[in-house]
Amino acid sequence: MKARKMMVAVATLALMGAMACVGAACSPQGQATSEAGGDSWEAAMAEHPDDPYVASYEAEDPSTLITMHKKLGNTCESCHDDDVMKEVGNFTELVGPSENTIATREFCLNDGCHSWEKIVDTTVLDGDKTVYNPEGTYNVHDNHRGDVDCGECHSMHGQPTLNCVECHYMDLPEGWDGFE
């Protein structure tokens, strides 16, 4: 599993690097996006409103985590650095696996953001009753898979996917997808 995650992270970084080169070659005068249009998040977002990440931030869709985080006062720079800002405008669609590079347990579970104890206490779902689980309740965060990175299920800008339903039947929370 760790080897697969590492391969996804390496492939994602390679893709982002290739996209940066294409973006620099295609932008005006061959300059990188931030050099061509400003050096702030506001300038990058204003210059590329059709970038899917910018669009999801601006859409204020209540089913996305980005909207929830935005309402709590977070901005792009709360999670992303200037290197990511330079990529704004180079994306044509949301790239799910790339979030694994940011949405790690270490990143999300810090003093200024999320508390593991509160998350575990509030994420019990109903599902099938079995010999092994006579109550039919599942806690998707306190499970047999151990400590997985948040980005394996959660997508800040896109649709979250509950990976537990690959094997287990449980009622999906509103706004979540499961594997078919």
N, C-alpha and C. Protein backbone atom coordinates (compact mmCIF):
# COMPACT_ATOMS: atom_id res chain seq x y z
N MET A 1 0.83 -1.19 0.00
CA MET A 1 0.00 0.00 0.00
C MET A 1 0.88 1.26 0.00
N LYS A 2 1.95 1.24 0.84
CA LYS A 2 2.83 2.41 0.88
C LYS A 2 3.55 2.60 -0.45
N ALA A 3 3.90 1.50 -1.11
CA ALA A 3 4.57 1.60 -2.40
C ALA A 3 3.62 2.23 -3.43
N ARG A 4 2.34 1.84 -3.38
CA ARG A 4 1.35 2.42 -4.30
C ARG A 4 1.20 3.91 -4.05
N LYS A 5 1.12 4.31 -2.78
CA LYS A 5 0.99 5.73 -2.44
C LYS A 5 2.21 6.51 -2.91
N MET A 6 3.39 5.91 -2.76
CA MET A 6 4.62 6.58 -3.18
C MET A 6 4.62 6.73 -4.71
N MET A 7 4.18 5.68 -5.44
CA MET A 7 4.13 5.76 -6.89
C MET A 7 3.14 6.84 -7.33
N VAL A 8 2.00 6.95 -6.66
CA VAL A 8 1.01 7.98 -7.00
C VAL A 8 1.60 9.36 -6.74
N ALA A 9 2.30 9.52 -5.62
CA ALA A 9 2.89 10.82 -5.30
C ALA A 9 3.96 11.21 -6.33
N VAL A 10 4.81 10.26 -6.71
CA VAL A 10 5.87 10.53 -7.69
C VAL A 10 5.25 10.87 -9.04
N ALA A 11 4.24 10.08 -9.45
CA ALA A 11 3.59 10.34 -10.74
C ALA A 11 2.91 11.71 -10.73
N THR A 12 2.31 12.06 -9.61
CA THR A 12 1.63 13.35 -9.49
C THR A 12 2.63 14.49 -9.60
N LEU A 13 3.76 14.37 -8.90
CA LEU A 13 4.78 15.42 -8.98
C LEU A 13 5.33 15.54 -10.39
N ALA A 14 5.53 14.40 -11.07
CA ALA A 14 6.02 14.44 -12.45
C ALA A 14 5.01 15.13 -13.35
N LEU A 15 3.72 14.81 -13.17
CA LEU A 15 2.67 15.44 -13.96
C LEU A 15 2.63 16.95 -13.71
N MET A 16 2.73 17.34 -12.44
CA MET A 16 2.70 18.77 -12.12
C MET A 16 3.91 19.49 -12.73
N GLY A 17 5.07 18.84 -12.72
CA GLY A 17 6.26 19.44 -13.32
C GLY A 17 6.10 19.60 -14.82
N ALA A 18 5.55 18.57 -15.48
CA ALA A 18 5.32 18.65 -16.92
C ALA A 18 4.30 19.74 -17.25
N MET A 19 3.26 19.83 -16.42
CA MET A 19 2.24 20.85 -16.64
C MET A 19 2.83 22.25 -16.47
N ALA A 20 3.76 22.40 -15.54
CA ALA A 20 4.39 23.70 -15.32
C ALA A 20 5.20 24.10 -16.56
N CYS A 21 5.92 23.13 -17.15
CA CYS A 21 6.70 23.43 -18.35
C CYS A 21 5.79 23.81 -19.50
N VAL A 22 4.70 23.08 -19.70
CA VAL A 22 3.75 23.40 -20.76
C VAL A 22 3.14 24.78 -20.50
N GLY A 23 2.77 25.04 -19.25
CA GLY A 23 2.17 26.32 -18.90
C GLY A 23 3.11 27.48 -19.16
N ALA A 24 4.39 27.30 -18.84
CA ALA A 24 5.37 28.37 -19.07
C ALA A 24 5.56 28.60 -20.56
N ALA A 25 5.55 27.54 -21.34
CA ALA A 25 5.74 27.67 -22.78
C ALA A 25 4.53 28.31 -23.46
N CYS A 26 3.34 28.08 -22.91
CA CYS A 26 2.11 28.58 -23.55
C CYS A 26 1.66 29.93 -23.03
N SER A 27 2.22 30.41 -21.94
CA SER A 27 1.78 31.69 -21.40
C SER A 27 2.43 32.82 -22.19
N PRO A 28 1.90 34.05 -22.07
CA PRO A 28 2.44 35.17 -22.85
C PRO A 28 3.94 35.34 -22.67
N GLN A 29 4.64 35.55 -23.76
CA GLN A 29 6.09 35.74 -23.79
C GLN A 29 6.85 34.59 -23.13
N GLY A 30 6.22 33.40 -23.01
CA GLY A 30 6.89 32.25 -22.44
C GLY A 30 7.17 32.38 -20.97
N GLN A 31 6.50 33.29 -20.28
CA GLN A 31 6.73 33.48 -18.85
C GLN A 31 5.77 32.62 -18.05
N ALA A 32 6.17 32.29 -16.84
CA ALA A 32 5.29 31.55 -15.94
C ALA A 32 4.09 32.41 -15.61
N THR A 33 3.00 31.77 -15.23
CA THR A 33 1.75 32.47 -14.98
C THR A 33 1.90 33.60 -13.97
N SER A 34 2.56 33.34 -12.83
CA SER A 34 2.63 34.38 -11.81
C SER A 34 3.48 35.56 -12.27
N GLU A 35 4.50 35.30 -13.11
CA GLU A 35 5.31 36.40 -13.60
C GLU A 35 4.54 37.23 -14.62
N ALA A 36 3.62 36.57 -15.36
CA ALA A 36 2.88 37.28 -16.39
C ALA A 36 1.73 38.08 -15.80
N GLY A 37 1.20 37.68 -14.64
CA GLY A 37 0.00 38.34 -14.16
C GLY A 37 0.03 38.78 -12.72
N GLY A 38 1.13 38.76 -12.06
CA GLY A 38 1.17 39.21 -10.67
C GLY A 38 1.76 38.15 -9.78
N ASP A 39 2.02 38.54 -8.55
CA ASP A 39 2.65 37.59 -7.64
C ASP A 39 1.84 37.38 -6.37
N SER A 40 0.52 37.45 -6.49
CA SER A 40 -0.33 37.20 -5.34
C SER A 40 -1.41 36.20 -5.73
N TRP A 41 -1.97 35.56 -4.71
CA TRP A 41 -3.07 34.63 -4.95
C TRP A 41 -4.25 35.34 -5.62
N GLU A 42 -4.54 36.54 -5.18
CA GLU A 42 -5.66 37.28 -5.74
C GLU A 42 -5.46 37.53 -7.23
N ALA A 43 -4.24 37.91 -7.60
CA ALA A 43 -3.94 38.16 -9.01
C ALA A 43 -4.03 36.87 -9.83
N ALA A 44 -3.49 35.79 -9.31
CA ALA A 44 -3.53 34.51 -10.02
C ALA A 44 -4.97 34.04 -10.21
N MET A 45 -5.79 34.21 -9.19
CA MET A 45 -7.19 33.78 -9.27
C MET A 45 -7.98 34.67 -10.22
N ALA A 46 -7.72 35.96 -10.20
CA ALA A 46 -8.42 36.88 -11.09
C ALA A 46 -8.04 36.62 -12.55
N GLU A 47 -6.79 36.26 -12.77
CA GLU A 47 -6.31 36.00 -14.13
C GLU A 47 -6.84 34.68 -14.69
N HIS A 48 -7.16 33.73 -13.81
CA HIS A 48 -7.57 32.38 -14.27
C HIS A 48 -8.85 31.91 -13.58
N PRO A 49 -9.96 32.62 -13.78
CA PRO A 49 -11.20 32.21 -13.10
C PRO A 49 -11.73 30.86 -13.56
N ASP A 50 -11.28 30.38 -14.75
CA ASP A 50 -11.75 29.09 -15.26
C ASP A 50 -10.90 27.92 -14.79
N ASP A 51 -9.81 28.18 -14.10
CA ASP A 51 -9.03 27.09 -13.53
C ASP A 51 -9.96 26.32 -12.59
N PRO A 52 -10.02 24.99 -12.68
CA PRO A 52 -11.00 24.24 -11.88
C PRO A 52 -10.83 24.42 -10.37
N TYR A 53 -9.62 24.64 -9.92
CA TYR A 53 -9.41 24.85 -8.49
C TYR A 53 -9.90 26.23 -8.06
N VAL A 54 -9.67 27.22 -8.89
CA VAL A 54 -10.18 28.57 -8.62
C VAL A 54 -11.70 28.54 -8.66
N ALA A 55 -12.25 27.90 -9.69
CA ALA A 55 -13.71 27.82 -9.84
C ALA A 55 -14.36 27.12 -8.64
N SER A 56 -13.74 26.06 -8.14
CA SER A 56 -14.33 25.36 -6.99
C SER A 56 -14.25 26.22 -5.73
N TYR A 57 -13.20 27.01 -5.61
CA TYR A 57 -13.07 27.92 -4.46
C TYR A 57 -14.14 29.00 -4.51
N GLU A 58 -14.37 29.53 -5.70
CA GLU A 58 -15.33 30.62 -5.87
C GLU A 58 -16.79 30.15 -5.89
N ALA A 59 -17.03 28.88 -6.23
CA ALA A 59 -18.40 28.37 -6.41
C ALA A 59 -19.22 28.33 -5.11
N GLU A 60 -18.55 28.18 -4.00
CA GLU A 60 -19.22 28.08 -2.70
C GLU A 60 -20.28 26.97 -2.70
N ASP A 61 -19.91 25.82 -3.27
CA ASP A 61 -20.75 24.63 -3.28
C ASP A 61 -20.72 24.02 -1.88
N PRO A 62 -21.86 23.93 -1.20
CA PRO A 62 -21.86 23.44 0.18
C PRO A 62 -21.45 21.98 0.33
N SER A 63 -21.37 21.23 -0.77
CA SER A 63 -20.97 19.83 -0.67
C SER A 63 -19.45 19.65 -0.70
N THR A 64 -18.69 20.74 -0.91
CA THR A 64 -17.23 20.61 -0.96
C THR A 64 -16.58 21.12 0.32
N LEU A 65 -15.46 20.52 0.65
CA LEU A 65 -14.71 20.94 1.83
C LEU A 65 -14.12 22.33 1.65
N ILE A 66 -13.79 22.70 0.42
CA ILE A 66 -13.20 24.02 0.20
C ILE A 66 -14.16 25.12 0.65
N THR A 67 -15.46 24.92 0.41
CA THR A 67 -16.45 25.91 0.82
C THR A 67 -16.51 26.00 2.34
N MET A 68 -16.50 24.84 3.00
CA MET A 68 -16.54 24.82 4.46
C MET A 68 -15.31 25.53 5.04
N HIS A 69 -14.14 25.23 4.48
CA HIS A 69 -12.91 25.86 4.96
C HIS A 69 -12.90 27.36 4.67
N LYS A 70 -13.44 27.75 3.51
CA LYS A 70 -13.51 29.17 3.15
C LYS A 70 -14.40 29.92 4.14
N LYS A 71 -15.53 29.32 4.51
CA LYS A 71 -16.44 29.95 5.48
C LYS A 71 -15.79 30.11 6.85
N LEU A 72 -14.81 29.26 7.14
CA LEU A 72 -14.10 29.35 8.41
C LEU A 72 -12.93 30.34 8.34
N GLY A 73 -12.80 31.01 7.20
CA GLY A 73 -11.78 32.06 7.08
C GLY A 73 -10.49 31.63 6.41
N ASN A 74 -10.43 30.39 5.91
CA ASN A 74 -9.22 29.94 5.24
C ASN A 74 -9.19 30.44 3.80
N THR A 75 -8.00 30.70 3.31
CA THR A 75 -7.79 31.11 1.92
C THR A 75 -6.87 30.09 1.27
N CYS A 76 -6.59 30.27 0.00
CA CYS A 76 -5.69 29.36 -0.71
C CYS A 76 -4.35 29.25 0.01
N GLU A 77 -3.83 30.40 0.46
CA GLU A 77 -2.51 30.39 1.11
C GLU A 77 -2.53 29.75 2.49
N SER A 78 -3.70 29.42 3.02
CA SER A 78 -3.75 28.69 4.29
C SER A 78 -3.16 27.30 4.13
N CYS A 79 -3.27 26.73 2.92
CA CYS A 79 -2.78 25.38 2.67
C CYS A 79 -1.68 25.31 1.61
N HIS A 80 -1.68 26.25 0.67
CA HIS A 80 -0.77 26.17 -0.47
C HIS A 80 0.31 27.24 -0.40
N ASP A 81 1.48 26.88 -0.94
CA ASP A 81 2.59 27.84 -0.98
C ASP A 81 2.66 28.54 -2.34
N ASP A 82 3.64 29.39 -2.51
CA ASP A 82 3.77 30.17 -3.74
C ASP A 82 4.07 29.30 -4.95
N ASP A 83 4.72 28.13 -4.75
CA ASP A 83 4.97 27.24 -5.87
C ASP A 83 3.66 26.72 -6.47
N VAL A 84 2.68 26.44 -5.63
CA VAL A 84 1.38 26.00 -6.12
C VAL A 84 0.68 27.16 -6.82
N MET A 85 0.82 28.36 -6.28
CA MET A 85 0.20 29.53 -6.89
C MET A 85 0.65 29.68 -8.35
N LYS A 86 1.90 29.37 -8.62
CA LYS A 86 2.44 29.50 -9.97
C LYS A 86 1.78 28.52 -10.94
N GLU A 87 1.15 27.47 -10.42
CA GLU A 87 0.49 26.47 -11.26
C GLU A 87 -0.94 26.87 -11.61
N VAL A 88 -1.51 27.86 -10.93
CA VAL A 88 -2.88 28.27 -11.20
C VAL A 88 -3.00 28.69 -12.66
N GLY A 89 -3.98 28.14 -13.34
CA GLY A 89 -4.17 28.41 -14.75
C GLY A 89 -3.67 27.30 -15.64
N ASN A 90 -2.91 26.37 -15.08
CA ASN A 90 -2.37 25.26 -15.86
C ASN A 90 -3.25 24.01 -15.81
N PHE A 91 -4.29 24.02 -15.00
CA PHE A 91 -5.13 22.85 -14.85
C PHE A 91 -6.39 22.98 -15.71
N THR A 92 -6.79 21.87 -16.30
CA THR A 92 -8.03 21.85 -17.07
C THR A 92 -9.11 21.05 -16.36
N GLU A 93 -8.70 20.25 -15.37
CA GLU A 93 -9.64 19.48 -14.56
C GLU A 93 -9.02 19.23 -13.20
N LEU A 94 -9.87 18.87 -12.24
CA LEU A 94 -9.36 18.55 -10.91
C LEU A 94 -8.53 17.28 -10.99
N VAL A 95 -7.40 17.27 -10.33
CA VAL A 95 -6.50 16.12 -10.34
C VAL A 95 -6.52 15.53 -8.93
N GLY A 96 -7.40 14.56 -8.70
CA GLY A 96 -7.62 14.00 -7.38
C GLY A 96 -6.39 13.52 -6.65
N PRO A 97 -5.58 12.62 -7.25
CA PRO A 97 -4.45 12.08 -6.50
C PRO A 97 -3.45 13.12 -6.04
N SER A 98 -3.40 14.28 -6.68
CA SER A 98 -2.43 15.28 -6.26
C SER A 98 -2.72 15.78 -4.85
N GLU A 99 -3.98 15.64 -4.42
CA GLU A 99 -4.30 16.10 -3.07
C GLU A 99 -3.63 15.22 -2.00
N ASN A 100 -3.24 14.00 -2.38
CA ASN A 100 -2.53 13.17 -1.42
C ASN A 100 -1.21 13.79 -1.00
N THR A 101 -0.64 14.66 -1.83
CA THR A 101 0.62 15.30 -1.46
C THR A 101 0.41 16.36 -0.39
N ILE A 102 -0.82 16.86 -0.27
CA ILE A 102 -1.10 17.87 0.75
C ILE A 102 -1.92 17.28 1.89
N ALA A 103 -2.94 16.52 1.59
CA ALA A 103 -3.88 16.04 2.60
C ALA A 103 -3.34 14.83 3.35
N THR A 104 -2.22 15.03 4.02
CA THR A 104 -1.66 13.97 4.86
C THR A 104 -2.18 14.15 6.28
N ARG A 105 -2.06 13.12 7.06
CA ARG A 105 -2.47 13.21 8.47
C ARG A 105 -1.69 14.32 9.18
N GLU A 106 -0.40 14.38 8.92
CA GLU A 106 0.43 15.38 9.58
C GLU A 106 -0.02 16.80 9.23
N PHE A 107 -0.42 17.02 7.99
CA PHE A 107 -0.83 18.35 7.56
C PHE A 107 -2.18 18.73 8.17
N CYS A 108 -3.15 17.83 8.10
CA CYS A 108 -4.52 18.15 8.53
C CYS A 108 -4.70 18.13 10.05
N LEU A 109 -3.97 17.24 10.72
CA LEU A 109 -4.14 17.08 12.17
C LEU A 109 -3.07 17.87 12.91
N ASN A 110 -3.19 19.18 12.84
CA ASN A 110 -2.24 20.03 13.56
C ASN A 110 -3.01 20.94 14.50
N ASP A 111 -2.33 21.65 15.35
CA ASP A 111 -2.97 22.47 16.38
C ASP A 111 -3.94 23.51 15.81
N GLY A 112 -3.66 24.04 14.64
CA GLY A 112 -4.51 25.08 14.09
C GLY A 112 -5.68 24.55 13.27
N CYS A 113 -5.71 23.24 13.02
CA CYS A 113 -6.75 22.71 12.13
C CYS A 113 -7.64 21.68 12.83
N HIS A 114 -7.38 20.40 12.61
CA HIS A 114 -8.30 19.36 13.07
C HIS A 114 -7.76 18.56 14.25
N SER A 115 -8.68 18.09 15.09
CA SER A 115 -8.36 17.25 16.24
C SER A 115 -8.82 15.83 15.94
N TRP A 116 -7.89 14.87 16.02
CA TRP A 116 -8.22 13.47 15.75
C TRP A 116 -9.32 12.97 16.67
N GLU A 117 -9.27 13.30 17.92
CA GLU A 117 -10.27 12.82 18.88
C GLU A 117 -11.67 13.30 18.50
N LYS A 118 -11.80 14.57 18.12
CA LYS A 118 -13.11 15.09 17.73
C LYS A 118 -13.62 14.43 16.45
N ILE A 119 -12.72 14.18 15.51
CA ILE A 119 -13.11 13.53 14.27
C ILE A 119 -13.65 12.12 14.56
N VAL A 120 -12.92 11.34 15.33
CA VAL A 120 -13.33 9.97 15.65
C VAL A 120 -14.67 9.98 16.39
N ASP A 121 -14.86 10.91 17.30
CA ASP A 121 -16.09 10.96 18.08
C ASP A 121 -17.32 11.31 17.26
N THR A 122 -17.15 11.92 16.10
CA THR A 122 -18.31 12.41 15.35
C THR A 122 -18.53 11.69 14.02
N THR A 123 -17.86 10.58 13.77
CA THR A 123 -17.97 9.94 12.45
C THR A 123 -18.40 8.49 12.53
N VAL A 124 -19.47 8.21 13.21
CA VAL A 124 -20.02 6.86 13.27
C VAL A 124 -21.16 6.78 12.26
N LEU A 125 -21.12 5.75 11.40
CA LEU A 125 -22.13 5.56 10.37
C LEU A 125 -22.87 4.25 10.60
N ASP A 126 -24.12 4.19 10.17
CA ASP A 126 -24.89 2.95 10.22
C ASP A 126 -24.61 2.12 8.99
N GLY A 127 -24.61 0.80 9.18
CA GLY A 127 -24.38 -0.12 8.06
C GLY A 127 -24.97 -1.48 8.38
N ASP A 128 -24.51 -2.49 7.66
CA ASP A 128 -25.00 -3.84 7.85
C ASP A 128 -24.59 -4.40 9.21
N LYS A 129 -25.52 -5.11 9.83
CA LYS A 129 -25.21 -5.85 11.06
C LYS A 129 -24.62 -7.19 10.63
N THR A 130 -23.51 -7.55 11.26
CA THR A 130 -22.87 -8.82 10.94
C THR A 130 -22.51 -9.53 12.24
N VAL A 131 -22.04 -10.76 12.11
CA VAL A 131 -21.58 -11.51 13.27
C VAL A 131 -20.46 -10.74 13.97
N TYR A 132 -19.62 -10.10 13.18
CA TYR A 132 -18.48 -9.36 13.72
C TYR A 132 -18.85 -7.96 14.18
N ASN A 133 -19.98 -7.46 13.70
CA ASN A 133 -20.42 -6.12 14.04
C ASN A 133 -21.94 -6.14 14.28
N PRO A 134 -22.36 -6.71 15.43
CA PRO A 134 -23.81 -6.88 15.67
C PRO A 134 -24.58 -5.56 15.77
N GLU A 135 -23.91 -4.47 16.12
CA GLU A 135 -24.59 -3.18 16.20
C GLU A 135 -24.78 -2.55 14.83
N GLY A 136 -23.97 -2.96 13.87
CA GLY A 136 -24.07 -2.39 12.52
C GLY A 136 -23.61 -0.95 12.44
N THR A 137 -22.70 -0.55 13.32
CA THR A 137 -22.15 0.80 13.26
C THR A 137 -20.69 0.72 12.86
N TYR A 138 -20.28 1.69 12.09
CA TYR A 138 -18.91 1.74 11.60
C TYR A 138 -18.36 3.13 11.87
N ASN A 139 -17.11 3.18 12.27
CA ASN A 139 -16.44 4.47 12.38
C ASN A 139 -15.37 4.49 11.31
N VAL A 140 -15.62 5.30 10.29
CA VAL A 140 -14.73 5.30 9.13
C VAL A 140 -13.33 5.81 9.45
N HIS A 141 -13.18 6.52 10.53
CA HIS A 141 -11.85 7.02 10.90
C HIS A 141 -11.13 6.13 11.90
N ASP A 142 -11.87 5.31 12.62
CA ASP A 142 -11.29 4.38 13.60
C ASP A 142 -11.59 2.98 13.10
N ASN A 143 -10.73 2.48 12.21
CA ASN A 143 -11.03 1.24 11.51
C ASN A 143 -9.81 0.34 11.39
N HIS A 144 -10.00 -0.79 10.76
CA HIS A 144 -8.94 -1.80 10.66
C HIS A 144 -7.83 -1.43 9.68
N ARG A 145 -8.01 -0.40 8.87
CA ARG A 145 -6.97 -0.01 7.91
C ARG A 145 -5.86 0.81 8.56
N GLY A 146 -6.09 1.25 9.79
CA GLY A 146 -5.06 2.02 10.47
C GLY A 146 -5.05 3.47 10.05
N ASP A 147 -3.91 4.08 10.21
CA ASP A 147 -3.77 5.51 9.91
C ASP A 147 -3.52 5.72 8.42
N VAL A 148 -4.54 6.20 7.73
CA VAL A 148 -4.39 6.52 6.31
C VAL A 148 -4.42 8.04 6.16
N ASP A 149 -3.87 8.52 5.08
CA ASP A 149 -3.89 9.96 4.84
C ASP A 149 -5.30 10.43 4.50
N CYS A 150 -5.62 11.61 4.92
CA CYS A 150 -6.96 12.19 4.73
C CYS A 150 -7.35 12.24 3.26
N GLY A 151 -6.38 12.51 2.38
CA GLY A 151 -6.63 12.64 0.95
C GLY A 151 -7.06 11.35 0.27
N GLU A 152 -6.96 10.20 0.96
CA GLU A 152 -7.42 8.97 0.35
C GLU A 152 -8.94 8.94 0.21
N CYS A 153 -9.64 9.68 1.04
CA CYS A 153 -11.11 9.77 0.95
C CYS A 153 -11.57 11.21 0.70
N HIS A 154 -10.95 12.14 1.38
CA HIS A 154 -11.39 13.53 1.32
C HIS A 154 -10.75 14.24 0.13
N SER A 155 -11.56 15.05 -0.54
CA SER A 155 -11.08 15.89 -1.63
C SER A 155 -11.49 17.32 -1.29
N MET A 156 -10.54 18.19 -1.15
CA MET A 156 -10.86 19.57 -0.78
C MET A 156 -11.69 20.26 -1.85
N HIS A 157 -11.34 20.08 -3.09
CA HIS A 157 -12.01 20.81 -4.18
C HIS A 157 -13.05 19.99 -4.92
N GLY A 158 -13.05 18.68 -4.75
CA GLY A 158 -13.94 17.82 -5.53
C GLY A 158 -14.83 16.96 -4.66
N GLN A 159 -15.29 15.87 -5.24
CA GLN A 159 -16.22 14.95 -4.60
C GLN A 159 -15.45 13.98 -3.71
N PRO A 160 -15.79 13.88 -2.43
CA PRO A 160 -15.13 12.90 -1.57
C PRO A 160 -15.64 11.49 -1.87
N THR A 161 -14.80 10.50 -1.64
CA THR A 161 -15.16 9.11 -1.90
C THR A 161 -14.90 8.28 -0.65
N LEU A 162 -15.91 7.60 -0.17
CA LEU A 162 -15.78 6.74 1.01
C LEU A 162 -15.25 5.38 0.57
N ASN A 163 -13.96 5.16 0.76
CA ASN A 163 -13.32 3.93 0.31
C ASN A 163 -13.77 2.69 1.07
N CYS A 164 -14.33 2.84 2.24
CA CYS A 164 -14.78 1.69 3.04
C CYS A 164 -15.82 0.86 2.28
N VAL A 165 -16.59 1.51 1.42
CA VAL A 165 -17.67 0.79 0.74
C VAL A 165 -17.16 -0.09 -0.40
N GLU A 166 -15.84 -0.16 -0.57
CA GLU A 166 -15.30 -1.16 -1.48
C GLU A 166 -15.65 -2.55 -0.96
N CYS A 167 -15.65 -2.71 0.35
CA CYS A 167 -15.91 -4.02 0.97
C CYS A 167 -17.14 -4.03 1.87
N HIS A 168 -17.44 -2.93 2.51
CA HIS A 168 -18.52 -2.86 3.50
C HIS A 168 -19.71 -2.08 2.97
N TYR A 169 -20.91 -2.53 3.38
CA TYR A 169 -22.07 -1.72 3.06
C TYR A 169 -22.32 -0.79 4.24
N MET A 170 -22.45 0.48 3.95
CA MET A 170 -22.86 1.45 4.97
C MET A 170 -23.51 2.61 4.25
N ASP A 171 -24.35 3.31 4.97
CA ASP A 171 -25.03 4.45 4.39
C ASP A 171 -24.01 5.56 4.15
N LEU A 172 -23.97 6.05 2.93
CA LEU A 172 -23.04 7.13 2.60
C LEU A 172 -23.57 8.45 3.15
N PRO A 173 -22.71 9.27 3.71
CA PRO A 173 -23.13 10.60 4.11
C PRO A 173 -23.55 11.41 2.88
N GLU A 174 -24.40 12.36 3.07
CA GLU A 174 -24.85 13.20 1.95
C GLU A 174 -23.66 13.87 1.28
N GLY A 175 -23.66 13.81 -0.05
CA GLY A 175 -22.60 14.45 -0.81
C GLY A 175 -21.40 13.56 -1.07
N TRP A 176 -21.40 12.32 -0.59
CA TRP A 176 -20.26 11.42 -0.77
C TRP A 176 -20.54 10.41 -1.86
N ASP A 177 -19.48 9.99 -2.55
CA ASP A 177 -19.54 8.89 -3.51
C ASP A 177 -18.91 7.66 -2.86
N GLY A 178 -19.27 6.52 -3.41
CA GLY A 178 -18.62 5.27 -3.01
C GLY A 178 -18.25 4.53 -4.28
N PHE A 179 -17.42 3.52 -4.16
CA PHE A 179 -17.06 2.74 -5.32
C PHE A 179 -18.24 1.86 -5.69
N GLU A 180 -18.47 1.73 -6.98
CA GLU A 180 -19.62 0.93 -7.47
C GLU A 180 -19.18 -0.50 -7.66
